[in-house]
N, C-alpha and C. Protein backbone atom coordinates (compact mmCIF):
# COMPACT_ATOMS: atom_id res chain seq x y z
N UNK A 1 -4.03 3.74 5.16
CA UNK A 1 -3.41 2.50 4.79
C UNK A 1 -4.51 1.47 4.65
N UNK A 2 -4.52 0.75 3.54
CA UNK A 2 -5.51 -0.30 3.35
C UNK A 2 -4.80 -1.64 3.38
N UNK A 3 -5.49 -2.62 3.89
CA UNK A 3 -4.88 -3.95 3.97
C UNK A 3 -5.84 -4.98 3.40
N UNK A 4 -5.28 -6.07 2.97
CA UNK A 4 -6.06 -7.20 2.53
C UNK A 4 -5.25 -8.43 2.85
N UNK A 5 -5.85 -9.38 3.52
CA UNK A 5 -5.13 -10.59 3.91
C UNK A 5 -5.97 -11.82 3.57
N UNK A 6 -5.92 -12.27 2.32
CA UNK A 6 -6.65 -13.48 1.95
C UNK A 6 -6.08 -14.70 2.67
N UNK A 7 -6.71 -15.83 2.47
CA UNK A 7 -6.30 -17.07 3.13
C UNK A 7 -4.87 -17.45 2.76
N UNK A 8 -4.27 -18.27 3.62
CA UNK A 8 -2.90 -18.74 3.42
C UNK A 8 -2.78 -19.41 2.06
N UNK A 9 -1.64 -19.18 1.42
CA UNK A 9 -1.40 -19.82 0.14
C UNK A 9 -1.68 -18.89 -1.03
N UNK A 10 -2.40 -17.83 -0.80
CA UNK A 10 -2.63 -16.86 -1.85
C UNK A 10 -1.81 -15.62 -1.54
N UNK A 11 -1.73 -14.71 -2.47
CA UNK A 11 -0.92 -13.51 -2.28
C UNK A 11 -1.51 -12.61 -1.20
N UNK A 12 -0.72 -12.31 -0.18
CA UNK A 12 -1.15 -11.37 0.85
C UNK A 12 -0.43 -10.07 0.59
N UNK A 13 -1.12 -8.94 0.81
CA UNK A 13 -0.46 -7.68 0.54
C UNK A 13 -0.98 -6.57 1.45
N UNK A 14 -0.19 -5.50 1.51
CA UNK A 14 -0.52 -4.30 2.27
C UNK A 14 -0.20 -3.12 1.37
N UNK A 15 -1.20 -2.28 1.11
CA UNK A 15 -0.99 -1.08 0.31
C UNK A 15 -0.74 0.09 1.26
N UNK A 16 0.25 0.92 0.95
CA UNK A 16 0.56 2.07 1.79
C UNK A 16 1.19 3.16 0.96
N UNK A 17 1.27 4.35 1.55
CA UNK A 17 1.90 5.49 0.89
C UNK A 17 2.99 6.02 1.80
N UNK A 18 4.09 6.49 1.21
CA UNK A 18 5.16 7.06 2.02
C UNK A 18 4.87 8.54 2.26
N UNK A 19 5.79 9.21 2.94
CA UNK A 19 5.58 10.61 3.31
C UNK A 19 5.45 11.52 2.08
N UNK A 20 6.03 11.11 0.96
CA UNK A 20 5.94 11.91 -0.25
C UNK A 20 4.67 11.61 -1.04
N UNK A 21 3.85 10.67 -0.55
CA UNK A 21 2.60 10.34 -1.22
C UNK A 21 2.73 9.25 -2.27
N UNK A 22 3.92 8.68 -2.43
CA UNK A 22 4.08 7.60 -3.40
C UNK A 22 3.43 6.35 -2.82
N UNK A 23 2.71 5.63 -3.66
CA UNK A 23 1.99 4.43 -3.20
C UNK A 23 2.80 3.18 -3.52
N UNK A 24 2.74 2.21 -2.58
CA UNK A 24 3.45 0.95 -2.73
C UNK A 24 2.56 -0.19 -2.27
N UNK A 25 2.89 -1.37 -2.74
CA UNK A 25 2.25 -2.60 -2.25
C UNK A 25 3.34 -3.50 -1.69
N UNK A 26 3.16 -3.88 -0.44
CA UNK A 26 4.03 -4.84 0.22
C UNK A 26 3.36 -6.19 0.03
N UNK A 27 4.01 -7.08 -0.71
CA UNK A 27 3.40 -8.36 -1.07
C UNK A 27 4.16 -9.50 -0.42
N UNK A 28 3.43 -10.40 0.23
CA UNK A 28 4.03 -11.55 0.89
C UNK A 28 3.60 -12.79 0.12
N UNK A 29 4.59 -13.59 -0.30
CA UNK A 29 4.31 -14.79 -1.08
C UNK A 29 4.89 -16.00 -0.35
N UNK A 30 4.06 -17.03 -0.16
CA UNK A 30 4.52 -18.25 0.48
C UNK A 30 5.42 -19.03 -0.46
N UNK A 31 6.42 -19.70 0.11
CA UNK A 31 7.29 -20.56 -0.66
C UNK A 31 6.54 -21.86 -0.93
N UNK A 32 6.43 -22.28 -2.18
CA UNK A 32 5.68 -23.51 -2.48
C UNK A 32 6.35 -24.78 -1.96
N UNK A 33 7.64 -24.72 -1.67
CA UNK A 33 8.37 -25.91 -1.23
C UNK A 33 8.51 -25.94 0.29
N UNK A 34 8.89 -24.83 0.90
CA UNK A 34 9.15 -24.75 2.33
C UNK A 34 8.00 -24.00 3.01
N UNK A 35 7.24 -24.70 3.84
CA UNK A 35 6.07 -24.11 4.49
C UNK A 35 6.45 -23.00 5.47
N UNK A 36 7.70 -22.95 5.90
CA UNK A 36 8.14 -21.93 6.86
C UNK A 36 8.79 -20.72 6.19
N UNK A 37 8.89 -20.73 4.88
CA UNK A 37 9.58 -19.65 4.18
C UNK A 37 8.58 -18.81 3.38
N UNK A 38 8.95 -17.57 3.18
CA UNK A 38 8.13 -16.68 2.36
C UNK A 38 9.02 -15.58 1.80
N UNK A 39 8.50 -14.88 0.81
CA UNK A 39 9.21 -13.78 0.18
C UNK A 39 8.38 -12.52 0.34
N UNK A 40 9.05 -11.42 0.65
CA UNK A 40 8.37 -10.13 0.78
C UNK A 40 8.90 -9.22 -0.33
N UNK A 41 7.98 -8.61 -1.09
CA UNK A 41 8.36 -7.70 -2.16
C UNK A 41 7.64 -6.37 -1.95
N UNK A 42 8.32 -5.28 -2.27
CA UNK A 42 7.71 -3.95 -2.24
C UNK A 42 7.62 -3.50 -3.69
N UNK A 43 6.39 -3.22 -4.14
CA UNK A 43 6.14 -2.89 -5.53
C UNK A 43 5.52 -1.49 -5.61
N UNK A 44 6.11 -0.59 -6.40
CA UNK A 44 5.47 0.73 -6.57
C UNK A 44 4.15 0.58 -7.30
N UNK A 45 3.15 1.32 -6.86
CA UNK A 45 1.84 1.28 -7.51
C UNK A 45 1.67 2.51 -8.40
N UNK A 46 0.93 2.37 -9.49
CA UNK A 46 0.69 3.54 -10.34
C UNK A 46 -0.20 4.55 -9.62
N UNK A 47 -0.21 5.77 -10.12
CA UNK A 47 -1.05 6.82 -9.54
C UNK A 47 -2.51 6.38 -9.63
N UNK A 48 -3.28 6.62 -8.57
CA UNK A 48 -4.71 6.30 -8.66
C UNK A 48 -5.38 7.24 -9.65
N UNK A 49 -6.50 6.80 -10.20
CA UNK A 49 -7.21 7.62 -11.19
C UNK A 49 -7.61 8.97 -10.61
N UNK A 50 -8.03 9.00 -9.33
CA UNK A 50 -8.45 10.26 -8.72
C UNK A 50 -7.28 11.23 -8.67
N UNK A 51 -6.06 10.74 -8.36
CA UNK A 51 -4.89 11.61 -8.26
C UNK A 51 -4.53 12.14 -9.64
N UNK A 52 -4.67 11.30 -10.66
CA UNK A 52 -4.35 11.74 -12.01
C UNK A 52 -5.31 12.84 -12.45
N UNK A 53 -6.53 12.80 -11.91
CA UNK A 53 -7.52 13.81 -12.25
C UNK A 53 -7.38 15.07 -11.40
N UNK A 54 -6.41 15.07 -10.47
CA UNK A 54 -6.17 16.26 -9.67
C UNK A 54 -6.59 16.13 -8.22
N UNK A 55 -7.06 14.99 -7.79
CA UNK A 55 -7.48 14.81 -6.39
C UNK A 55 -6.32 14.24 -5.59
N UNK A 56 -5.25 15.00 -5.44
CA UNK A 56 -4.06 14.51 -4.75
C UNK A 56 -4.25 14.39 -3.25
N UNK A 57 -5.33 14.96 -2.68
CA UNK A 57 -5.58 14.83 -1.26
C UNK A 57 -5.80 13.37 -0.87
N UNK A 58 -6.31 12.56 -1.79
CA UNK A 58 -6.53 11.15 -1.52
C UNK A 58 -5.20 10.46 -1.19
N UNK A 59 -4.15 10.79 -1.93
CA UNK A 59 -2.84 10.18 -1.68
C UNK A 59 -2.30 10.61 -0.33
N UNK A 60 -2.43 11.87 -0.02
CA UNK A 60 -1.86 12.38 1.22
C UNK A 60 -2.57 11.85 2.44
N UNK A 61 -3.82 11.47 2.31
CA UNK A 61 -4.56 10.95 3.46
C UNK A 61 -3.97 9.63 3.92
N UNK A 62 -3.37 8.85 3.02
CA UNK A 62 -2.81 7.56 3.39
C UNK A 62 -1.39 7.68 3.94
N UNK A 63 -0.76 8.82 3.73
CA UNK A 63 0.61 9.02 4.22
C UNK A 63 0.60 9.16 5.73
N UNK A 64 1.71 8.81 6.39
CA UNK A 64 1.75 8.93 7.83
C UNK A 64 1.62 10.39 8.25
N UNK A 65 1.01 10.60 9.39
CA UNK A 65 0.82 11.95 9.87
C UNK A 65 2.09 12.45 10.53
N UNK A 66 2.16 13.74 10.74
CA UNK A 66 3.34 14.34 11.36
C UNK A 66 3.55 13.81 12.77
N UNK A 67 2.46 13.42 13.44
CA UNK A 67 2.60 12.93 14.81
C UNK A 67 3.08 11.49 14.88
N UNK A 68 2.77 10.66 13.86
CA UNK A 68 3.20 9.27 13.91
C UNK A 68 4.62 9.08 13.40
N UNK A 69 5.06 9.88 12.44
CA UNK A 69 6.39 9.70 11.88
C UNK A 69 7.50 9.92 12.91
N UNK A 70 7.46 10.96 13.76
CA UNK A 70 8.52 11.11 14.77
C UNK A 70 8.54 9.97 15.78
N UNK A 71 7.37 9.46 16.12
CA UNK A 71 7.31 8.33 17.06
C UNK A 71 7.97 7.11 16.44
N UNK A 72 7.66 6.84 15.16
CA UNK A 72 8.26 5.71 14.46
C UNK A 72 9.76 5.92 14.32
N UNK A 73 10.17 7.14 13.99
CA UNK A 73 11.59 7.43 13.84
C UNK A 73 12.32 7.25 15.15
N UNK A 74 11.71 7.65 16.26
CA UNK A 74 12.33 7.48 17.57
C UNK A 74 12.47 6.00 17.91
N UNK A 75 11.46 5.21 17.58
CA UNK A 75 11.53 3.77 17.85
C UNK A 75 12.65 3.13 17.04
N UNK A 76 12.80 3.54 15.79
CA UNK A 76 13.85 2.97 14.95
C UNK A 76 15.24 3.47 15.35
N UNK A 77 15.30 4.66 15.95
CA UNK A 77 16.59 5.18 16.41
C UNK A 77 17.16 4.35 17.55
N UNK A 78 16.30 3.62 18.25
CA UNK A 78 16.75 2.78 19.36
C UNK A 78 17.43 1.49 18.88
N UNK A 79 17.38 1.21 17.59
CA UNK A 79 17.99 -0.01 17.05
C UNK A 79 19.51 0.11 17.05
N UNK A 80 20.16 -1.02 17.25
CA UNK A 80 21.62 -1.05 17.14
C UNK A 80 22.00 -0.96 15.65
N UNK A 81 23.25 -0.74 15.38
CA UNK A 81 23.72 -0.64 13.99
C UNK A 81 23.42 -1.93 13.23
N UNK A 82 23.65 -3.07 13.87
CA UNK A 82 23.41 -4.36 13.21
C UNK A 82 21.92 -4.57 12.96
N UNK A 83 21.09 -4.17 13.93
CA UNK A 83 19.65 -4.30 13.75
C UNK A 83 19.18 -3.41 12.60
N UNK A 84 19.78 -2.24 12.45
CA UNK A 84 19.43 -1.37 11.32
C UNK A 84 19.81 -2.02 9.99
N UNK A 85 20.97 -2.69 9.97
CA UNK A 85 21.38 -3.39 8.75
C UNK A 85 20.39 -4.49 8.40
N UNK A 86 20.00 -5.27 9.41
CA UNK A 86 19.03 -6.35 9.19
C UNK A 86 17.70 -5.77 8.70
N UNK A 87 17.22 -4.72 9.36
CA UNK A 87 15.94 -4.10 8.99
C UNK A 87 15.99 -3.57 7.56
N UNK A 88 17.09 -2.96 7.17
CA UNK A 88 17.21 -2.42 5.81
C UNK A 88 17.13 -3.54 4.77
N UNK A 89 17.78 -4.66 5.04
CA UNK A 89 17.74 -5.78 4.10
C UNK A 89 16.35 -6.41 4.05
N UNK A 90 15.67 -6.46 5.19
CA UNK A 90 14.31 -6.98 5.22
C UNK A 90 13.40 -6.06 4.39
N UNK A 91 13.61 -4.76 4.50
CA UNK A 91 12.81 -3.79 3.73
C UNK A 91 13.04 -3.95 2.23
N UNK A 92 14.22 -4.45 1.84
CA UNK A 92 14.50 -4.71 0.42
C UNK A 92 13.80 -5.97 -0.07
N UNK A 93 13.23 -6.75 0.85
CA UNK A 93 12.51 -7.96 0.47
C UNK A 93 13.30 -9.24 0.59
N UNK A 94 14.45 -9.20 1.26
CA UNK A 94 15.27 -10.40 1.41
C UNK A 94 14.68 -11.33 2.46
N UNK A 95 14.89 -12.62 2.28
CA UNK A 95 14.47 -13.62 3.26
C UNK A 95 15.50 -13.67 4.38
N UNK A 96 15.16 -14.39 5.45
CA UNK A 96 16.11 -14.54 6.56
C UNK A 96 17.41 -15.19 6.08
N UNK A 97 17.30 -16.19 5.24
CA UNK A 97 18.49 -16.86 4.71
C UNK A 97 19.35 -15.90 3.89
N UNK A 98 18.71 -15.08 3.07
CA UNK A 98 19.45 -14.13 2.25
C UNK A 98 20.12 -13.06 3.11
N UNK A 99 19.43 -12.59 4.15
CA UNK A 99 20.03 -11.62 5.06
C UNK A 99 21.24 -12.23 5.75
N UNK A 100 21.09 -13.47 6.21
CA UNK A 100 22.20 -14.15 6.88
C UNK A 100 23.40 -14.26 5.94
N UNK A 101 23.17 -14.61 4.69
CA UNK A 101 24.26 -14.71 3.72
C UNK A 101 24.93 -13.38 3.45
N UNK A 102 24.14 -12.33 3.33
CA UNK A 102 24.69 -10.99 3.08
C UNK A 102 25.55 -10.49 4.23
N UNK A 103 25.09 -10.76 5.46
CA UNK A 103 25.78 -10.22 6.64
C UNK A 103 26.76 -11.21 7.27
N UNK A 104 26.86 -12.41 6.66
CA UNK A 104 27.77 -13.44 7.17
C UNK A 104 27.46 -13.80 8.62
N UNK A 105 26.16 -14.02 8.89
CA UNK A 105 25.73 -14.45 10.21
C UNK A 105 24.79 -15.64 10.05
N UNK A 106 24.47 -16.32 11.13
CA UNK A 106 23.56 -17.47 11.09
C UNK A 106 22.12 -17.01 10.93
N UNK A 107 21.31 -17.88 10.36
CA UNK A 107 19.88 -17.58 10.21
C UNK A 107 19.23 -17.37 11.57
N UNK A 108 19.65 -18.13 12.56
CA UNK A 108 19.07 -17.96 13.91
C UNK A 108 19.42 -16.59 14.48
N UNK A 109 20.58 -16.06 14.12
CA UNK A 109 20.97 -14.72 14.58
C UNK A 109 20.07 -13.67 13.92
N UNK A 110 19.74 -13.88 12.67
CA UNK A 110 18.81 -12.97 11.97
C UNK A 110 17.47 -12.98 12.70
N UNK A 111 16.99 -14.17 13.05
CA UNK A 111 15.71 -14.28 13.75
C UNK A 111 15.76 -13.56 15.10
N UNK A 112 16.88 -13.69 15.81
CA UNK A 112 17.03 -13.01 17.09
C UNK A 112 17.01 -11.50 16.90
N UNK A 113 17.74 -11.02 15.89
CA UNK A 113 17.73 -9.59 15.59
C UNK A 113 16.31 -9.13 15.26
N UNK A 114 15.58 -9.90 14.47
CA UNK A 114 14.22 -9.51 14.09
C UNK A 114 13.30 -9.42 15.31
N UNK A 115 13.42 -10.36 16.23
CA UNK A 115 12.58 -10.30 17.43
C UNK A 115 12.89 -9.04 18.23
N UNK A 116 14.16 -8.69 18.32
CA UNK A 116 14.55 -7.48 19.03
C UNK A 116 14.04 -6.24 18.30
N UNK A 117 14.13 -6.25 16.98
CA UNK A 117 13.65 -5.12 16.18
C UNK A 117 12.14 -4.95 16.36
N UNK A 118 11.39 -6.06 16.28
CA UNK A 118 9.94 -5.99 16.45
C UNK A 118 9.59 -5.37 17.80
N UNK A 119 10.29 -5.81 18.85
CA UNK A 119 10.01 -5.29 20.20
C UNK A 119 10.32 -3.80 20.30
N UNK A 120 11.47 -3.39 19.80
CA UNK A 120 11.87 -1.98 19.89
C UNK A 120 10.99 -1.08 19.02
N UNK A 121 10.60 -1.57 17.85
CA UNK A 121 9.79 -0.77 16.93
C UNK A 121 8.30 -0.83 17.26
N UNK A 122 7.93 -1.77 18.12
CA UNK A 122 6.53 -1.90 18.50
C UNK A 122 5.65 -2.44 17.39
N UNK A 123 6.20 -3.36 16.59
CA UNK A 123 5.44 -3.97 15.50
C UNK A 123 5.32 -5.47 15.75
N UNK A 124 4.24 -6.09 15.26
CA UNK A 124 4.04 -7.51 15.53
C UNK A 124 4.74 -8.46 14.55
N UNK A 125 5.09 -7.96 13.35
CA UNK A 125 5.62 -8.88 12.35
C UNK A 125 6.43 -8.14 11.28
N UNK A 126 6.94 -8.92 10.36
CA UNK A 126 7.80 -8.43 9.28
C UNK A 126 7.09 -7.41 8.38
N UNK A 127 5.84 -7.71 8.04
CA UNK A 127 5.08 -6.82 7.16
C UNK A 127 4.92 -5.44 7.80
N UNK A 128 4.56 -5.42 9.07
CA UNK A 128 4.39 -4.15 9.78
C UNK A 128 5.72 -3.40 9.89
N UNK A 129 6.81 -4.14 10.07
CA UNK A 129 8.14 -3.52 10.14
C UNK A 129 8.47 -2.82 8.83
N UNK A 130 8.25 -3.50 7.71
CA UNK A 130 8.58 -2.91 6.41
C UNK A 130 7.69 -1.69 6.16
N UNK A 131 6.42 -1.77 6.51
CA UNK A 131 5.53 -0.61 6.34
C UNK A 131 6.02 0.55 7.18
N UNK A 132 6.47 0.27 8.40
CA UNK A 132 6.99 1.32 9.28
C UNK A 132 8.26 1.93 8.68
N UNK A 133 9.15 1.10 8.19
CA UNK A 133 10.39 1.60 7.60
C UNK A 133 10.11 2.49 6.39
N UNK A 134 9.15 2.13 5.59
CA UNK A 134 8.81 2.94 4.42
C UNK A 134 8.09 4.22 4.82
N UNK A 135 7.35 4.18 5.92
CA UNK A 135 6.66 5.38 6.39
C UNK A 135 7.65 6.41 6.88
N UNK A 136 8.75 5.95 7.48
CA UNK A 136 9.75 6.85 8.02
C UNK A 136 10.68 7.36 6.94
N UNK A 137 10.89 6.54 5.88
CA UNK A 137 11.82 6.91 4.81
C UNK A 137 11.40 8.15 4.06
């Protein structure tokens, strides 16, 4: 997994591969109006040139290992049904406000669910959560 985190205000992203070797970019964009808001998008990446030339081992090296995937899956299994719903919507790139609207709950409830999800999954933030969810998928 490769990461790049430029200064605030520019596009931050995390490149990763799922278990099938498909590559994605998790992109975080700051809201130009609200300093506390941001958007998370998951974008499929094209095949790397090395993979197109037949070096598919490069893709597989970035995929989660057999030992990390069960640990991540076990951590996510500890989530409640509602926390799984919130996590799934976050993985789709929805903001806290959008998740709250979809699930008919308050934004503060979404934040509470996210803190619980982070603790149970052992991740520090939203970006790491989405990467974990895609690694397990």
